[in-house]
Amino acid sequence: LTADLLRAVWSADNTAILHNGWNKRVLR
């Protein structure tokens, strides 16, 4: 829960978060 991390993740499109049935894609 740091502002910089949240901005980094949410600056990308939704596929960085959920894509091809995988959530937390960027973290994985």
PDB file of all heavy atoms in Angstrom:
ATOM      1  N   LEU A   1       0.819  -1.207   0.000  1.00  0.00           N
ATOM      2  CA  LEU A   1       0.000   0.000   0.000  1.00  0.00           C
ATOM      3  C   LEU A   1       0.854   1.259   0.000  1.00  0.00           C
ATOM      4  O   LEU A   1       0.826   2.067   0.922  1.00  0.00           O
ATOM      5  CB  LEU A   1      -0.953  -0.017   1.190  1.00  0.00           C
ATOM      6  CG  LEU A   1      -2.035  -1.089   1.113  1.00  0.00           C
ATOM      7  CD1 LEU A   1      -2.870  -1.112   2.377  1.00  0.00           C
ATOM      8  CD2 LEU A   1      -2.917  -0.866  -0.108  1.00  0.00           C
ATOM      9  N   THR A   2       1.639   1.418  -1.045  1.00  0.00           N
ATOM     10  CA  THR A   2       2.395   2.650  -1.253  1.00  0.00           C
ATOM     11  C   THR A   2       1.862   3.317  -2.509  1.00  0.00           C
ATOM     12  O   THR A   2       1.517   2.650  -3.490  1.00  0.00           O
ATOM     13  CB  THR A   2       3.902   2.381  -1.411  1.00  0.00           C
ATOM     14  OG1 THR A   2       4.104   1.570  -2.580  1.00  0.00           O
ATOM     15  CG2 THR A   2       4.454   1.630  -0.202  1.00  0.00           C
ATOM     16  N   ALA A   3       1.802   4.641  -2.475  1.00  0.00           N
ATOM     17  CA  ALA A   3       1.218   5.382  -3.595  1.00  0.00           C
ATOM     18  C   ALA A   3       1.966   5.122  -4.899  1.00  0.00           C
ATOM     19  O   ALA A   3       1.354   4.975  -5.964  1.00  0.00           O
ATOM     20  CB  ALA A   3       1.202   6.882  -3.279  1.00  0.00           C
ATOM     21  N   ASP A   4       3.298   5.055  -4.832  1.00  0.00           N
ATOM     22  CA  ASP A   4       4.077   4.849  -6.055  1.00  0.00           C
ATOM     23  C   ASP A   4       3.781   3.499  -6.695  1.00  0.00           C
ATOM     24  O   ASP A   4       3.704   3.388  -7.923  1.00  0.00           O
ATOM     25  CB  ASP A   4       5.576   4.971  -5.756  1.00  0.00           C
ATOM     26  CG  ASP A   4       5.998   6.406  -5.496  1.00  0.00           C
ATOM     27  OD1 ASP A   4       5.221   7.317  -5.842  1.00  0.00           O
ATOM     28  OD2 ASP A   4       7.096   6.610  -4.940  1.00  0.00           O
ATOM     29  N   LEU A   5       3.643   2.473  -5.871  1.00  0.00           N
ATOM     30  CA  LEU A   5       3.354   1.143  -6.410  1.00  0.00           C
ATOM     31  C   LEU A   5       1.965   1.113  -7.050  1.00  0.00           C
ATOM     32  O   LEU A   5       1.779   0.560  -8.137  1.00  0.00           O
ATOM     33  CB  LEU A   5       3.462   0.086  -5.315  1.00  0.00           C
ATOM     34  CG  LEU A   5       3.201  -1.362  -5.748  1.00  0.00           C
ATOM     35  CD1 LEU A   5       4.144  -1.769  -6.885  1.00  0.00           C
ATOM     36  CD2 LEU A   5       3.343  -2.308  -4.569  1.00  0.00           C
ATOM     37  N   LEU A   6       1.007   1.727  -6.374  1.00  0.00           N
ATOM     38  CA  LEU A   6      -0.351   1.773  -6.920  1.00  0.00           C
ATOM     39  C   LEU A   6      -0.369   2.512  -8.262  1.00  0.00           C
ATOM     40  O   LEU A   6      -0.983   2.057  -9.228  1.00  0.00           O
ATOM     41  CB  LEU A   6      -1.293   2.459  -5.934  1.00  0.00           C
ATOM     42  CG  LEU A   6      -2.751   2.598  -6.377  1.00  0.00           C
ATOM     43  CD1 LEU A   6      -3.366   1.232  -6.612  1.00  0.00           C
ATOM     44  CD2 LEU A   6      -3.559   3.377  -5.352  1.00  0.00           C
ATOM     45  N   ARG A   7       0.322   3.644  -8.335  1.00  0.00           N
ATOM     46  CA  ARG A   7       0.372   4.396  -9.593  1.00  0.00           C
ATOM     47  C   ARG A   7       1.033   3.573 -10.694  1.00  0.00           C
ATOM     48  O   ARG A   7       0.610   3.602 -11.842  1.00  0.00           O
ATOM     49  CB  ARG A   7       1.146   5.702  -9.395  1.00  0.00           C
ATOM     50  CG  ARG A   7       0.448   6.727  -8.514  1.00  0.00           C
ATOM     51  CD  ARG A   7       1.160   8.082  -8.584  1.00  0.00           C
ATOM     52  NE  ARG A   7       0.618   9.000  -7.597  1.00  0.00           N
ATOM     53  CZ  ARG A   7       1.197   9.281  -6.434  1.00  0.00           C
ATOM     54  NH1 ARG A   7       2.354   8.701  -6.112  1.00  0.00           N
ATOM     55  NH2 ARG A   7       0.645  10.129  -5.605  1.00  0.00           N
ATOM     56  N   ALA A   8       2.093   2.849 -10.336  1.00  0.00           N
ATOM     57  CA  ALA A   8       2.814   2.061 -11.338  1.00  0.00           C
ATOM     58  C   ALA A   8       1.924   0.968 -11.918  1.00  0.00           C
ATOM     59  O   ALA A   8       1.897   0.740 -13.130  1.00  0.00           O
ATOM     60  CB  ALA A   8       4.069   1.451 -10.722  1.00  0.00           C
ATOM     61  N   VAL A   9       1.171   0.284 -11.052  1.00  0.00           N
ATOM     62  CA  VAL A   9       0.309  -0.806 -11.514  1.00  0.00           C
ATOM     63  C   VAL A   9      -0.865  -0.260 -12.321  1.00  0.00           C
ATOM     64  O   VAL A   9      -1.180  -0.750 -13.407  1.00  0.00           O
ATOM     65  CB  VAL A   9      -0.194  -1.646 -10.315  1.00  0.00           C
ATOM     66  CG1 VAL A   9      -1.218  -2.678 -10.782  1.00  0.00           C
ATOM     67  CG2 VAL A   9       0.976  -2.348  -9.636  1.00  0.00           C
ATOM     68  N   TRP A  10      -1.510   0.781 -11.821  1.00  0.00           N
ATOM     69  CA  TRP A  10      -2.716   1.289 -12.464  1.00  0.00           C
ATOM     70  C   TRP A  10      -2.433   2.197 -13.660  1.00  0.00           C
ATOM     71  O   TRP A  10      -3.357   2.585 -14.376  1.00  0.00           O
ATOM     72  CB  TRP A  10      -3.584   2.015 -11.449  1.00  0.00           C
ATOM     73  CG  TRP A  10      -4.324   1.052 -10.565  1.00  0.00           C
ATOM     74  CD1 TRP A  10      -4.153  -0.298 -10.493  1.00  0.00           C
ATOM     75  CD2 TRP A  10      -5.338   1.371  -9.624  1.00  0.00           C
ATOM     76  NE1 TRP A  10      -4.993  -0.836  -9.567  1.00  0.00           N
ATOM     77  CE2 TRP A  10      -5.737   0.149  -9.011  1.00  0.00           C
ATOM     78  CE3 TRP A  10      -5.949   2.553  -9.220  1.00  0.00           C
ATOM     79  CZ2 TRP A  10      -6.720   0.105  -8.034  1.00  0.00           C
ATOM     80  CZ3 TRP A  10      -6.927   2.507  -8.247  1.00  0.00           C
ATOM     81  CH2 TRP A  10      -7.314   1.296  -7.659  1.00  0.00           C
ATOM     82  N   SER A  11      -1.168   2.545 -13.885  1.00  0.00           N
ATOM     83  CA  SER A  11      -0.844   3.318 -15.092  1.00  0.00           C
ATOM     84  C   SER A  11      -0.884   2.433 -16.331  1.00  0.00           C
ATOM     85  O   SER A  11      -1.013   2.928 -17.455  1.00  0.00           O
ATOM     86  CB  SER A  11       0.544   3.952 -14.952  1.00  0.00           C
ATOM     87  OG  SER A  11       1.555   2.949 -14.869  1.00  0.00           O
ATOM     88  N   ALA A  12      -0.769   1.131 -16.149  1.00  0.00           N
ATOM     89  CA  ALA A  12      -0.875   0.185 -17.266  1.00  0.00           C
ATOM     90  C   ALA A  12      -2.353  -0.133 -17.513  1.00  0.00           C
ATOM     91  O   ALA A  12      -3.220   0.178 -16.697  1.00  0.00           O
ATOM     92  CB  ALA A  12      -0.109  -1.089 -16.945  1.00  0.00           C
ATOM     93  N   ASP A  13      -2.635  -0.768 -18.648  1.00  0.00           N
ATOM     94  CA  ASP A  13      -4.033  -1.115 -18.913  1.00  0.00           C
ATOM     95  C   ASP A  13      -4.422  -2.345 -18.097  1.00  0.00           C
ATOM     96  O   ASP A  13      -3.605  -2.939 -17.400  1.00  0.00           O
ATOM     97  CB  ASP A  13      -4.288  -1.314 -20.412  1.00  0.00           C
ATOM     98  CG  ASP A  13      -3.503  -2.486 -20.995  1.00  0.00           C
ATOM     99  OD1 ASP A  13      -3.307  -3.498 -20.301  1.00  0.00           O
ATOM    100  OD2 ASP A  13      -3.087  -2.384 -22.164  1.00  0.00           O
ATOM    101  N   ASN A  14      -5.687  -2.718 -18.218  1.00  0.00           N
ATOM    102  CA  ASN A  14      -6.223  -3.786 -17.370  1.00  0.00           C
ATOM    103  C   ASN A  14      -5.532  -5.130 -17.550  1.00  0.00           C
ATOM    104  O   ASN A  14      -5.590  -5.980 -16.663  1.00  0.00           O
ATOM    105  CB  ASN A  14      -7.720  -3.952 -17.632  1.00  0.00           C
ATOM    106  CG  ASN A  14      -8.544  -2.824 -17.038  1.00  0.00           C
ATOM    107  OD1 ASN A  14      -7.999  -1.904 -16.436  1.00  0.00           O
ATOM    108  ND2 ASN A  14      -9.854  -2.893 -17.213  1.00  0.00           N
ATOM    109  N   THR A  15      -4.884  -5.338 -18.686  1.00  0.00           N
ATOM    110  CA  THR A  15      -4.240  -6.632 -18.914  1.00  0.00           C
ATOM    111  C   THR A  15      -3.053  -6.857 -17.993  1.00  0.00           C
ATOM    112  O   THR A  15      -2.608  -7.992 -17.825  1.00  0.00           O
ATOM    113  CB  THR A  15      -3.790  -6.777 -20.381  1.00  0.00           C
ATOM    114  OG1 THR A  15      -2.865  -5.719 -20.701  1.00  0.00           O
ATOM    115  CG2 THR A  15      -4.980  -6.720 -21.321  1.00  0.00           C
ATOM    116  N   ALA A  16      -2.525  -5.802 -17.386  1.00  0.00           N
ATOM    117  CA  ALA A  16      -1.460  -5.968 -16.397  1.00  0.00           C
ATOM    118  C   ALA A  16      -2.009  -6.539 -15.098  1.00  0.00           C
ATOM    119  O   ALA A  16      -1.269  -7.092 -14.280  1.00  0.00           O
ATOM    120  CB  ALA A  16      -0.767  -4.632 -16.130  1.00  0.00           C
ATOM    121  N   ILE A  17      -3.315  -6.402 -14.916  1.00  0.00           N
ATOM    122  CA  ILE A  17      -3.974  -6.849 -13.694  1.00  0.00           C
ATOM    123  C   ILE A  17      -4.655  -8.200 -13.903  1.00  0.00           C
ATOM    124  O   ILE A  17      -4.485  -9.121 -13.103  1.00  0.00           O
ATOM    125  CB  ILE A  17      -4.996  -5.795 -13.225  1.00  0.00           C
ATOM    126  CG1 ILE A  17      -4.276  -4.472 -12.909  1.00  0.00           C
ATOM    127  CG2 ILE A  17      -5.774  -6.284 -12.012  1.00  0.00           C
ATOM    128  CD1 ILE A  17      -5.215  -3.312 -12.637  1.00  0.00           C
ATOM    129  N   LEU A  18      -5.420  -8.317 -14.981  1.00  0.00           N
ATOM    130  CA  LEU A  18      -6.189  -9.544 -15.226  1.00  0.00           C
ATOM    131  C   LEU A  18      -6.191  -9.818 -16.723  1.00  0.00           C
ATOM    132  O   LEU A  18      -6.665  -9.002 -17.516  1.00  0.00           O
ATOM    133  CB  LEU A  18      -7.623  -9.345 -14.722  1.00  0.00           C
ATOM    134  CG  LEU A  18      -8.316 -10.545 -14.063  1.00  0.00           C
ATOM    135  CD1 LEU A  18      -9.598 -10.114 -13.374  1.00  0.00           C
ATOM    136  CD2 LEU A  18      -8.594 -11.650 -15.045  1.00  0.00           C
ATOM    137  N   HIS A  19      -5.651 -10.982 -17.105  1.00  0.00           N
ATOM    138  CA  HIS A  19      -5.514 -11.271 -18.534  1.00  0.00           C
ATOM    139  C   HIS A  19      -5.412 -12.776 -18.751  1.00  0.00           C
ATOM    140  O   HIS A  19      -4.707 -13.481 -18.020  1.00  0.00           O
ATOM    141  CB  HIS A  19      -4.258 -10.584 -19.085  1.00  0.00           C
ATOM    142  CG  HIS A  19      -4.080 -10.734 -20.568  1.00  0.00           C
ATOM    143  ND1 HIS A  19      -5.002 -10.297 -21.485  1.00  0.00           N
ATOM    144  CD2 HIS A  19      -3.065 -11.290 -21.289  1.00  0.00           C
ATOM    145  CE1 HIS A  19      -4.574 -10.557 -22.709  1.00  0.00           C
ATOM    146  NE2 HIS A  19      -3.395 -11.173 -22.620  1.00  0.00           N
ATOM    147  N   ASN A  20      -6.150 -13.269 -19.734  1.00  0.00           N
ATOM    148  CA  ASN A  20      -6.129 -14.693 -20.077  1.00  0.00           C
ATOM    149  C   ASN A  20      -6.412 -15.596 -18.871  1.00  0.00           C
ATOM    150  O   ASN A  20      -5.820 -16.670 -18.721  1.00  0.00           O
ATOM    151  CB  ASN A  20      -4.794 -15.081 -20.718  1.00  0.00           C
ATOM    152  CG  ASN A  20      -4.709 -14.648 -22.178  1.00  0.00           C
ATOM    153  OD1 ASN A  20      -5.727 -14.429 -22.835  1.00  0.00           O
ATOM    154  ND2 ASN A  20      -3.493 -14.514 -22.687  1.00  0.00           N
ATOM    155  N   GLY A  21      -7.324 -15.140 -18.017  1.00  0.00           N
ATOM    156  CA  GLY A  21      -7.718 -15.946 -16.872  1.00  0.00           C
ATOM    157  C   GLY A  21      -6.792 -15.873 -15.675  1.00  0.00           C
ATOM    158  O   GLY A  21      -6.984 -16.601 -14.705  1.00  0.00           O
ATOM    159  N   TRP A  22      -5.784 -15.002 -15.728  1.00  0.00           N
ATOM    160  CA  TRP A  22      -4.839 -14.870 -14.618  1.00  0.00           C
ATOM    161  C   TRP A  22      -4.972 -13.493 -13.981  1.00  0.00           C
ATOM    162  O   TRP A  22      -4.808 -12.486 -14.649  1.00  0.00           O
ATOM    163  CB  TRP A  22      -3.397 -15.071 -15.100  1.00  0.00           C
ATOM    164  CG  TRP A  22      -3.100 -16.485 -15.474  1.00  0.00           C
ATOM    165  CD1 TRP A  22      -3.094 -17.014 -16.726  1.00  0.00           C
ATOM    166  CD2 TRP A  22      -2.769 -17.544 -14.576  1.00  0.00           C
ATOM    167  NE1 TRP A  22      -2.785 -18.355 -16.681  1.00  0.00           N
ATOM    168  CE2 TRP A  22      -2.577 -18.708 -15.367  1.00  0.00           C
ATOM    169  CE3 TRP A  22      -2.619 -17.643 -13.200  1.00  0.00           C
ATOM    170  CZ2 TRP A  22      -2.246 -19.939 -14.806  1.00  0.00           C
ATOM    171  CZ3 TRP A  22      -2.291 -18.876 -12.646  1.00  0.00           C
ATOM    172  CH2 TRP A  22      -2.107 -20.004 -13.441  1.00  0.00           C
ATOM    173  N   ASN A  23      -5.268 -13.474 -12.685  1.00  0.00           N
ATOM    174  CA  ASN A  23      -5.262 -12.198 -11.981  1.00  0.00           C
ATOM    175  C   ASN A  23      -3.860 -11.895 -11.461  1.00  0.00           C
ATOM    176  O   ASN A  23      -2.954 -12.732 -11.560  1.00  0.00           O
ATOM    177  CB  ASN A  23      -6.285 -12.199 -10.841  1.00  0.00           C
ATOM    178  CG  ASN A  23      -5.957 -13.222  -9.759  1.00  0.00           C
ATOM    179  OD1 ASN A  23      -5.031 -14.019  -9.877  1.00  0.00           O
ATOM    180  ND2 ASN A  23      -6.740 -13.213  -8.699  1.00  0.00           N
ATOM    181  N   LYS A  24      -3.658 -10.686 -10.966  1.00  0.00           N
ATOM    182  CA  LYS A  24      -2.346 -10.257 -10.457  1.00  0.00           C
ATOM    183  C   LYS A  24      -1.243 -10.553 -11.475  1.00  0.00           C
ATOM    184  O   LYS A  24      -0.131 -10.963 -11.108  1.00  0.00           O
ATOM    185  CB  LYS A  24      -2.023 -10.931  -9.121  1.00  0.00           C
ATOM    186  CG  LYS A  24      -3.043 -10.648  -8.034  1.00  0.00           C
ATOM    187  CD  LYS A  24      -2.637 -11.277  -6.723  1.00  0.00           C
ATOM    188  CE  LYS A  24      -3.681 -11.024  -5.648  1.00  0.00           C
ATOM    189  NZ  LYS A  24      -3.348 -11.648  -4.371  1.00  0.00           N
ATOM    190  N   ARG A  25      -1.557 -10.352 -12.738  1.00  0.00           N
ATOM    191  CA  ARG A  25      -0.651 -10.807 -13.797  1.00  0.00           C
ATOM    192  C   ARG A  25       0.752 -10.226 -13.657  1.00  0.00           C
ATOM    193  O   ARG A  25       1.754 -10.937 -13.777  1.00  0.00           O
ATOM    194  CB  ARG A  25      -1.237 -10.423 -15.159  1.00  0.00           C
ATOM    195  CG  ARG A  25      -0.382 -10.901 -16.324  1.00  0.00           C
ATOM    196  CD  ARG A  25      -0.850 -10.308 -17.620  1.00  0.00           C
ATOM    197  NE  ARG A  25       0.072 -10.624 -18.709  1.00  0.00           N
ATOM    198  CZ  ARG A  25       0.184  -9.893 -19.801  1.00  0.00           C
ATOM    199  NH1 ARG A  25      -0.546  -8.805 -19.946  1.00  0.00           N
ATOM    200  NH2 ARG A  25       1.029 -10.240 -20.749  1.00  0.00           N
ATOM    201  N   VAL A  26       0.846  -8.914 -13.396  1.00  0.00           N
ATOM    202  CA  VAL A  26       2.167  -8.287 -13.335  1.00  0.00           C
ATOM    203  C   VAL A  26       2.968  -8.842 -12.154  1.00  0.00           C
ATOM    204  O   VAL A  26       4.183  -9.054 -12.254  1.00  0.00           O
ATOM    205  CB  VAL A  26       2.037  -6.747 -13.264  1.00  0.00           C
ATOM    206  CG1 VAL A  26       1.341  -6.301 -11.988  1.00  0.00           C
ATOM    207  CG2 VAL A  26       3.393  -6.086 -13.386  1.00  0.00           C
ATOM    208  N   LEU A  27       2.299  -9.105 -11.038  1.00  0.00           N
ATOM    209  CA  LEU A  27       2.993  -9.651  -9.871  1.00  0.00           C
ATOM    210  C   LEU A  27       3.445 -11.085 -10.132  1.00  0.00           C
ATOM    211  O   LEU A  27       4.552 -11.481  -9.736  1.00  0.00           O
ATOM    212  CB  LEU A  27       2.079  -9.601  -8.649  1.00  0.00           C
ATOM    213  CG  LEU A  27       2.699 -10.044  -7.319  1.00  0.00           C
ATOM    214  CD1 LEU A  27       3.913  -9.190  -6.968  1.00  0.00           C
ATOM    215  CD2 LEU A  27       1.657  -9.992  -6.202  1.00  0.00           C
ATOM    216  N   ARG A  28       2.626 -11.844 -10.805  1.00  0.00           N
ATOM    217  CA  ARG A  28       3.018 -13.213 -11.140  1.00  0.00           C
ATOM    218  C   ARG A  28       4.239 -13.221 -12.064  1.00  0.00           C
ATOM    219  O   ARG A  28       5.135 -14.071 -11.924  1.00  0.00           O
ATOM    220  CB  ARG A  28       1.854 -13.946 -11.811  1.00  0.00           C
ATOM    221  CG  ARG A  28       0.669 -14.209 -10.905  1.00  0.00           C
ATOM    222  CD  ARG A  28      -0.425 -14.962 -11.647  1.00  0.00           C
ATOM    223  NE  ARG A  28      -1.665 -15.022 -10.878  1.00  0.00           N
ATOM    224  CZ  ARG A  28      -1.945 -15.925  -9.949  1.00  0.00           C
ATOM    225  NH1 ARG A  28      -1.054 -16.870  -9.667  1.00  0.00           N
ATOM    226  NH2 ARG A  28      -3.104 -15.910  -9.308  1.00  0.00           N
TER     227      ARG A  28
END
